[in-house]
C-alpha atoms as a PDB file:
ATOM      1  CA  UNK A   1     -66.613  -9.908 -48.748  1.00  0.00           C
ATOM      2  CA  UNK A   2     -69.947  -9.591 -46.943  1.00  0.00           C
ATOM      3  CA  UNK A   3     -70.518  -6.626 -44.380  1.00  0.00           C
ATOM      4  CA  UNK A   4     -70.017  -8.783 -41.524  1.00  0.00           C
ATOM      5  CA  UNK A   5     -66.661 -10.157 -42.915  1.00  0.00           C
ATOM      6  CA  UNK A   6     -65.565  -6.692 -43.756  1.00  0.00           C
ATOM      7  CA  UNK A   7     -66.464  -5.698 -39.970  1.00  0.00           C
ATOM      8  CA  UNK A   8     -64.762  -8.854 -38.398  1.00  0.00           C
ATOM      9  CA  UNK A   9     -61.634  -8.089 -40.609  1.00  0.00           C
ATOM     10  CA  UNK A  10     -61.684  -4.580 -39.724  1.00  0.00           C
ATOM     11  CA  UNK A  11     -62.227  -5.350 -35.670  1.00  0.00           C
ATOM     12  CA  UNK A  12     -59.151  -7.821 -35.989  1.00  0.00           C
ATOM     13  CA  UNK A  13     -57.013  -5.483 -37.459  1.00  0.00           C
ATOM     14  CA  UNK A  14     -57.978  -2.837 -35.057  1.00  0.00           C
ATOM     15  CA  UNK A  15     -57.351  -5.004 -32.111  1.00  0.00           C
ATOM     16  CA  UNK A  16     -53.913  -6.038 -33.440  1.00  0.00           C
ATOM     17  CA  UNK A  17     -52.838  -2.340 -33.930  1.00  0.00           C
ATOM     18  CA  UNK A  18     -54.337  -1.585 -30.513  1.00  0.00           C
ATOM     19  CA  UNK A  19     -52.595  -4.456 -28.920  1.00  0.00           C
ATOM     20  CA  UNK A  20     -49.122  -3.744 -30.354  1.00  0.00           C
ATOM     21  CA  UNK A  21     -49.458   0.149 -29.212  1.00  0.00           C
ATOM     22  CA  UNK A  22     -50.300  -0.828 -25.756  1.00  0.00           C
ATOM     23  CA  UNK A  23     -47.586  -3.581 -25.225  1.00  0.00           C
ATOM     24  CA  UNK A  24     -44.187  -3.084 -23.679  1.00  0.00           C
ATOM     25  CA  UNK A  25     -41.690  -1.413 -25.496  1.00  0.00           C
ATOM     26  CA  UNK A  26     -39.290  -4.067 -27.432  1.00  0.00           C
ATOM     27  CA  UNK A  27     -36.571  -3.699 -24.866  1.00  0.00           C
ATOM     28  CA  UNK A  28     -38.719  -4.809 -21.768  1.00  0.00           C
ATOM     29  CA  UNK A  29     -40.023  -8.475 -21.256  1.00  0.00           C
ATOM     30  CA  UNK A  30     -43.885  -8.630 -21.436  1.00  0.00           C
ATOM     31  CA  UNK A  31     -44.124  -9.360 -17.797  1.00  0.00           C
ATOM     32  CA  UNK A  32     -42.183  -5.993 -16.747  1.00  0.00           C
ATOM     33  CA  UNK A  33     -44.518  -2.739 -16.164  1.00  0.00           C
ATOM     34  CA  UNK A  34     -43.952   0.346 -18.146  1.00  0.00           C
ATOM     35  CA  UNK A  35     -41.514   2.717 -16.819  1.00  0.00           C
ATOM     36  CA  UNK A  36     -44.487   5.078 -16.561  1.00  0.00           C
ATOM     37  CA  UNK A  37     -46.536   3.001 -13.987  1.00  0.00           C
ATOM     38  CA  UNK A  38     -46.514   3.471 -10.214  1.00  0.00           C
ATOM     39  CA  UNK A  39     -45.960   0.390  -7.761  1.00  0.00           C
ATOM     40  CA  UNK A  40     -46.490  -0.139  -4.009  1.00  0.00           C
ATOM     41  CA  UNK A  41     -43.545  -1.346  -2.205  1.00  0.00           C
ATOM     42  CA  UNK A  42     -42.512  -2.308   1.444  1.00  0.00           C
ATOM     43  CA  UNK A  43     -38.862  -0.626   1.911  1.00  0.00           C
ATOM     44  CA  UNK A  44     -36.532  -3.559   3.365  1.00  0.00           C
ATOM     45  CA  UNK A  45     -33.520  -1.439   4.110  1.00  0.00           C
ATOM     46  CA  UNK A  46     -31.406   1.271   2.466  1.00  0.00           C
ATOM     47  CA  UNK A  47     -27.826   0.487   1.098  1.00  0.00           C
ATOM     48  CA  UNK A  48     -26.887   4.466   1.406  1.00  0.00           C
ATOM     49  CA  UNK A  49     -29.328   7.590   1.204  1.00  0.00           C
ATOM     50  CA  UNK A  50     -30.074   7.165  -2.375  1.00  0.00           C
ATOM     51  CA  UNK A  51     -30.277   3.195  -2.786  1.00  0.00           C
ATOM     52  CA  UNK A  52     -32.982   0.815  -1.201  1.00  0.00           C
ATOM     53  CA  UNK A  53     -33.895  -2.519  -1.437  1.00  0.00           C
ATOM     54  CA  UNK A  54     -37.597  -3.315  -1.766  1.00  0.00           C
ATOM     55  CA  UNK A  55     -40.253  -5.673  -1.981  1.00  0.00           C
ATOM     56  CA  UNK A  56     -43.157  -5.291  -4.446  1.00  0.00           C
ATOM     57  CA  UNK A  57     -46.616  -5.585  -2.916  1.00  0.00           C
ATOM     58  CA  UNK A  58     -48.732  -5.568  -5.691  1.00  0.00           C
ATOM     59  CA  UNK A  59     -48.982  -6.893  -9.631  1.00  0.00           C
ATOM     60  CA  UNK A  60     -47.064  -8.855 -11.558  1.00  0.00           C
ATOM     61  CA  UNK A  61     -44.009  -8.281  -9.357  1.00  0.00           C
ATOM     62  CA  UNK A  62     -45.610  -8.755  -5.903  1.00  0.00           C
ATOM     63  CA  UNK A  63     -43.301 -10.807  -3.669  1.00  0.00           C
ATOM     64  CA  UNK A  64     -40.363 -10.080  -5.588  1.00  0.00           C
ATOM     65  CA  UNK A  65     -37.220  -7.852  -4.305  1.00  0.00           C
ATOM     66  CA  UNK A  66     -35.179  -5.340  -6.200  1.00  0.00           C
ATOM     67  CA  UNK A  67     -32.490  -2.819  -5.317  1.00  0.00           C
ATOM     68  CA  UNK A  68     -33.935   0.575  -6.336  1.00  0.00           C
ATOM     69  CA  UNK A  69     -31.665   3.882  -7.250  1.00  0.00           C
ATOM     70  CA  UNK A  70     -33.580   7.185  -6.370  1.00  0.00           C
ATOM     71  CA  UNK A  71     -33.582   9.510  -9.382  1.00  0.00           C
ATOM     72  CA  UNK A  72     -32.279  12.843  -9.102  1.00  0.00           C
ATOM     73  CA  UNK A  73     -30.568  12.655  -6.108  1.00  0.00           C
ATOM     74  CA  UNK A  74     -26.838  11.626  -5.163  1.00  0.00           C
ATOM     75  CA  UNK A  75     -26.082  11.143  -1.696  1.00  0.00           C
ATOM     76  CA  UNK A  76     -22.450  10.573  -0.276  1.00  0.00           C
ATOM     77  CA  UNK A  77     -21.340   6.894  -0.326  1.00  0.00           C
ATOM     78  CA  UNK A  78     -21.508   4.823   3.045  1.00  0.00           C
ATOM     79  CA  UNK A  79     -18.476   2.498   3.934  1.00  0.00           C
ATOM     80  CA  UNK A  80     -20.469  -0.291   5.863  1.00  0.00           C
ATOM     81  CA  UNK A  81     -17.265  -2.157   6.669  1.00  0.00           C
ATOM     82  CA  UNK A  82     -15.781   1.035   8.410  1.00  0.00           C
ATOM     83  CA  UNK A  83     -18.331   3.784   8.548  1.00  0.00           C
ATOM     84  CA  UNK A  84     -15.499   6.334   9.798  1.00  0.00           C
ATOM     85  CA  UNK A  85     -14.346   5.964   6.136  1.00  0.00           C
ATOM     86  CA  UNK A  86     -17.429   7.025   4.536  1.00  0.00           C
ATOM     87  CA  UNK A  87     -17.743   9.874   2.583  1.00  0.00           C
ATOM     88  CA  UNK A  88     -18.802  13.304   4.465  1.00  0.00           C
ATOM     89  CA  UNK A  89     -22.385  13.341   5.694  1.00  0.00           C
ATOM     90  CA  UNK A  90     -22.897   9.699   4.163  1.00  0.00           C
ATOM     91  CA  UNK A  91     -23.978   8.261   7.418  1.00  0.00           C
ATOM     92  CA  UNK A  92     -26.493  11.275   7.998  1.00  0.00           C
ATOM     93  CA  UNK A  93     -28.020  10.804   4.700  1.00  0.00           C
ATOM     94  CA  UNK A  94     -28.051   6.975   5.115  1.00  0.00           C
ATOM     95  CA  UNK A  95     -29.806   7.429   8.660  1.00  0.00           C
ATOM     96  CA  UNK A  96     -32.415  10.158   7.267  1.00  0.00           C
ATOM     97  CA  UNK A  97     -33.631   7.829   4.469  1.00  0.00           C
ATOM     98  CA  UNK A  98     -33.733   4.750   6.663  1.00  0.00           C
ATOM     99  CA  UNK A  99     -35.554   6.764   9.701  1.00  0.00           C
ATOM    100  CA  UNK A 100     -38.054   7.989   6.919  1.00  0.00           C
ATOM    101  CA  UNK A 101     -38.714   4.900   5.155  1.00  0.00           C
ATOM    102  CA  UNK A 102     -37.383   1.718   6.212  1.00  0.00           C
ATOM    103  CA  UNK A 103     -39.935  -1.074   7.098  1.00  0.00           C
ATOM    104  CA  UNK A 104     -42.611   1.368   5.472  1.00  0.00           C
ATOM    105  CA  UNK A 105     -44.675   1.332   2.360  1.00  0.00           C
ATOM    106  CA  UNK A 106     -43.622   3.594  -0.350  1.00  0.00           C
ATOM    107  CA  UNK A 107     -44.960   4.289  -3.839  1.00  0.00           C
ATOM    108  CA  UNK A 108     -42.285   4.039  -6.708  1.00  0.00           C
ATOM    109  CA  UNK A 109     -42.960   6.074  -9.928  1.00  0.00           C
ATOM    110  CA  UNK A 110     -40.787   5.909 -12.851  1.00  0.00           C
ATOM    111  CA  UNK A 111     -39.129   8.311 -15.567  1.00  0.00           C
ATOM    112  CA  UNK A 112     -38.024   7.550 -18.920  1.00  0.00           C
ATOM    113  CA  UNK A 113     -35.187   5.155 -18.023  1.00  0.00           C
ATOM    114  CA  UNK A 114     -36.140   1.977 -16.280  1.00  0.00           C
ATOM    115  CA  UNK A 115     -32.725   0.604 -15.236  1.00  0.00           C
ATOM    116  CA  UNK A 116     -29.097   2.136 -14.502  1.00  0.00           C
ATOM    117  CA  UNK A 117     -25.715   0.710 -15.784  1.00  0.00           C
ATOM    118  CA  UNK A 118     -25.597  -1.535 -12.725  1.00  0.00           C
ATOM    119  CA  UNK A 119     -29.107  -2.965 -13.179  1.00  0.00           C
ATOM    120  CA  UNK A 120     -30.792  -1.046 -10.483  1.00  0.00           C
ATOM    121  CA  UNK A 121     -34.368   0.007 -10.967  1.00  0.00           C
ATOM    122  CA  UNK A 122     -34.621   3.833 -10.960  1.00  0.00           C
ATOM    123  CA  UNK A 123     -37.350   5.377  -9.397  1.00  0.00           C
ATOM    124  CA  UNK A 124     -38.944   8.479  -7.435  1.00  0.00           C
ATOM    125  CA  UNK A 125     -39.907   7.273  -4.082  1.00  0.00           C
ATOM    126  CA  UNK A 126     -42.983   8.525  -1.992  1.00  0.00           C
ATOM    127  CA  UNK A 127     -44.032   7.433   1.504  1.00  0.00           C
ATOM    128  CA  UNK A 128     -47.433   5.882   1.271  1.00  0.00           C
ATOM    129  CA  UNK A 129     -48.667   7.396   4.679  1.00  0.00           C
ATOM    130  CA  UNK A 130     -48.170  10.857   3.790  1.00  0.00           C
ATOM    131  CA  UNK A 131     -46.420  11.211   0.438  1.00  0.00           C
ATOM    132  CA  UNK A 132     -43.299  12.569   1.569  1.00  0.00           C
ATOM    133  CA  UNK A 133     -41.133  12.775  -1.526  1.00  0.00           C
ATOM    134  CA  UNK A 134     -37.970  11.230  -0.549  1.00  0.00           C
ATOM    135  CA  UNK A 135     -35.813  12.456  -3.375  1.00  0.00           C
ATOM    136  CA  UNK A 136     -36.942  15.734  -3.004  1.00  0.00           C
ATOM    137  CA  UNK A 137     -36.550  15.703   0.777  1.00  0.00           C
ATOM    138  CA  UNK A 138     -32.931  14.583   0.652  1.00  0.00           C
ATOM    139  CA  UNK A 139     -32.003  17.591  -2.024  1.00  0.00           C
ATOM    140  CA  UNK A 140     -33.827  20.165  -0.053  1.00  0.00           C
ATOM    141  CA  UNK A 141     -32.422  19.161   3.327  1.00  0.00           C
ATOM    142  CA  UNK A 142     -28.737  18.983   1.794  1.00  0.00           C
ATOM    143  CA  UNK A 143     -28.687  15.210   2.339  1.00  0.00           C
ATOM    144  CA  UNK A 144     -27.506  14.694  -1.152  1.00  0.00           C
ATOM    145  CA  UNK A 145     -26.923  16.841  -4.395  1.00  0.00           C
ATOM    146  CA  UNK A 146     -29.333  17.018  -7.195  1.00  0.00           C
ATOM    147  CA  UNK A 147     -28.172  14.805 -10.379  1.00  0.00           C
ATOM    148  CA  UNK A 148     -29.543  14.825 -13.527  1.00  0.00           C
ATOM    149  CA  UNK A 149     -28.934  12.189 -16.029  1.00  0.00           C
ATOM    150  CA  UNK A 150     -31.117  12.393 -19.132  1.00  0.00           C
ATOM    151  CA  UNK A 151     -33.497  10.911 -20.155  1.00  0.00           C
ATOM    152  CA  UNK A 152     -34.664  10.636 -16.452  1.00  0.00           C
ATOM    153  CA  UNK A 153     -34.690  14.129 -15.494  1.00  0.00           C
ATOM    154  CA  UNK A 154     -38.241  15.325 -15.166  1.00  0.00           C
ATOM    155  CA  UNK A 155     -37.571  16.841 -11.904  1.00  0.00           C
ATOM    156  CA  UNK A 156     -34.313  18.368 -12.861  1.00  0.00           C
ATOM    157  CA  UNK A 157     -34.984  21.980 -12.552  1.00  0.00           C
ATOM    158  CA  UNK A 158     -36.924  21.490  -9.268  1.00  0.00           C
ATOM    159  CA  UNK A 159     -34.179  19.553  -7.711  1.00  0.00           C
ATOM    160  CA  UNK A 160     -31.491  22.158  -8.997  1.00  0.00           C
ATOM    161  CA  UNK A 161     -33.299  25.105  -7.385  1.00  0.00           C
ATOM    162  CA  UNK A 162     -33.769  22.930  -4.105  1.00  0.00           C
ATOM    163  CA  UNK A 163     -30.113  22.279  -4.115  1.00  0.00           C
ATOM    164  CA  UNK A 164     -29.221  25.787  -4.393  1.00  0.00           C
ATOM    165  CA  UNK A 165     -31.505  26.589  -1.623  1.00  0.00           C
ATOM    166  CA  UNK A 166     -30.060  24.157   0.573  1.00  0.00           C
ATOM    167  CA  UNK A 167     -26.386  25.553  -0.253  1.00  0.00           C
ATOM    168  CA  UNK A 168     -27.401  29.162   0.254  1.00  0.00           C
ATOM    169  CA  UNK A 169     -28.655  27.852   3.929  1.00  0.00           C
ATOM    170  CA  UNK A 170     -25.531  25.805   4.602  1.00  0.00           C
ATOM    171  CA  UNK A 171     -28.231  22.778   5.202  1.00  0.00           C
ATOM    172  CA  UNK A 172     -26.765  19.390   5.459  1.00  0.00           C
ATOM    173  CA  UNK A 173     -23.473  18.416   3.470  1.00  0.00           C
ATOM    174  CA  UNK A 174     -23.394  22.344   2.514  1.00  0.00           C
ATOM    175  CA  UNK A 175     -22.629  23.401   6.363  1.00  0.00           C
ATOM    176  CA  UNK A 176     -20.122  22.096   8.678  1.00  0.00           C
ATOM    177  CA  UNK A 177     -18.083  19.874   8.624  1.00  0.00           C
ATOM    178  CA  UNK A 178     -18.501  19.102   4.681  1.00  0.00           C
ATOM    179  CA  UNK A 179     -18.950  22.551   3.293  1.00  0.00           C
ATOM    180  CA  UNK A 180     -20.015  20.865   0.054  1.00  0.00           C
ATOM    181  CA  UNK A 181     -17.200  18.593  -0.349  1.00  0.00           C
ATOM    182  CA  UNK A 182     -17.705  14.832   0.421  1.00  0.00           C
ATOM    183  CA  UNK A 183     -14.062  13.819   0.399  1.00  0.00           C
END
């Protein structure tokens, strides 16, 4: 084999190896970004304090809408047909998330797992204007509990500490009338 032929064969092999290493994992369609990328979205509305509907603004998903489940936080559930039957502090958590981010742009960042059991995209959410980290804000102010579900648990220890501080200060659902119970 000539020097040019060997060089071309080596280049082709290198590109093949690099291309397979950079492609999406086998469980993801090629059109989906890696769980480790960040994406800018427009928040459409919140279903409850930890679940939002968003529209992607950039990249291959621009214009598409998805339901996002915030990682690391579990807020009480809202009963939209009868808010009086919502879990304790649910309406407050939903109102807080709505006030902070509805109709605003946010950055989504991801952890190890892209979707939950229900097909919702799992993400951390930060407001574009000032980088307010919503997941952190909700736990720190008692709007929800810290929730660690491996492998998506990058902030597990941080959120657990914030929850403890909220409990000790009786903030949010840790104070009256819930005292830590959402029932």
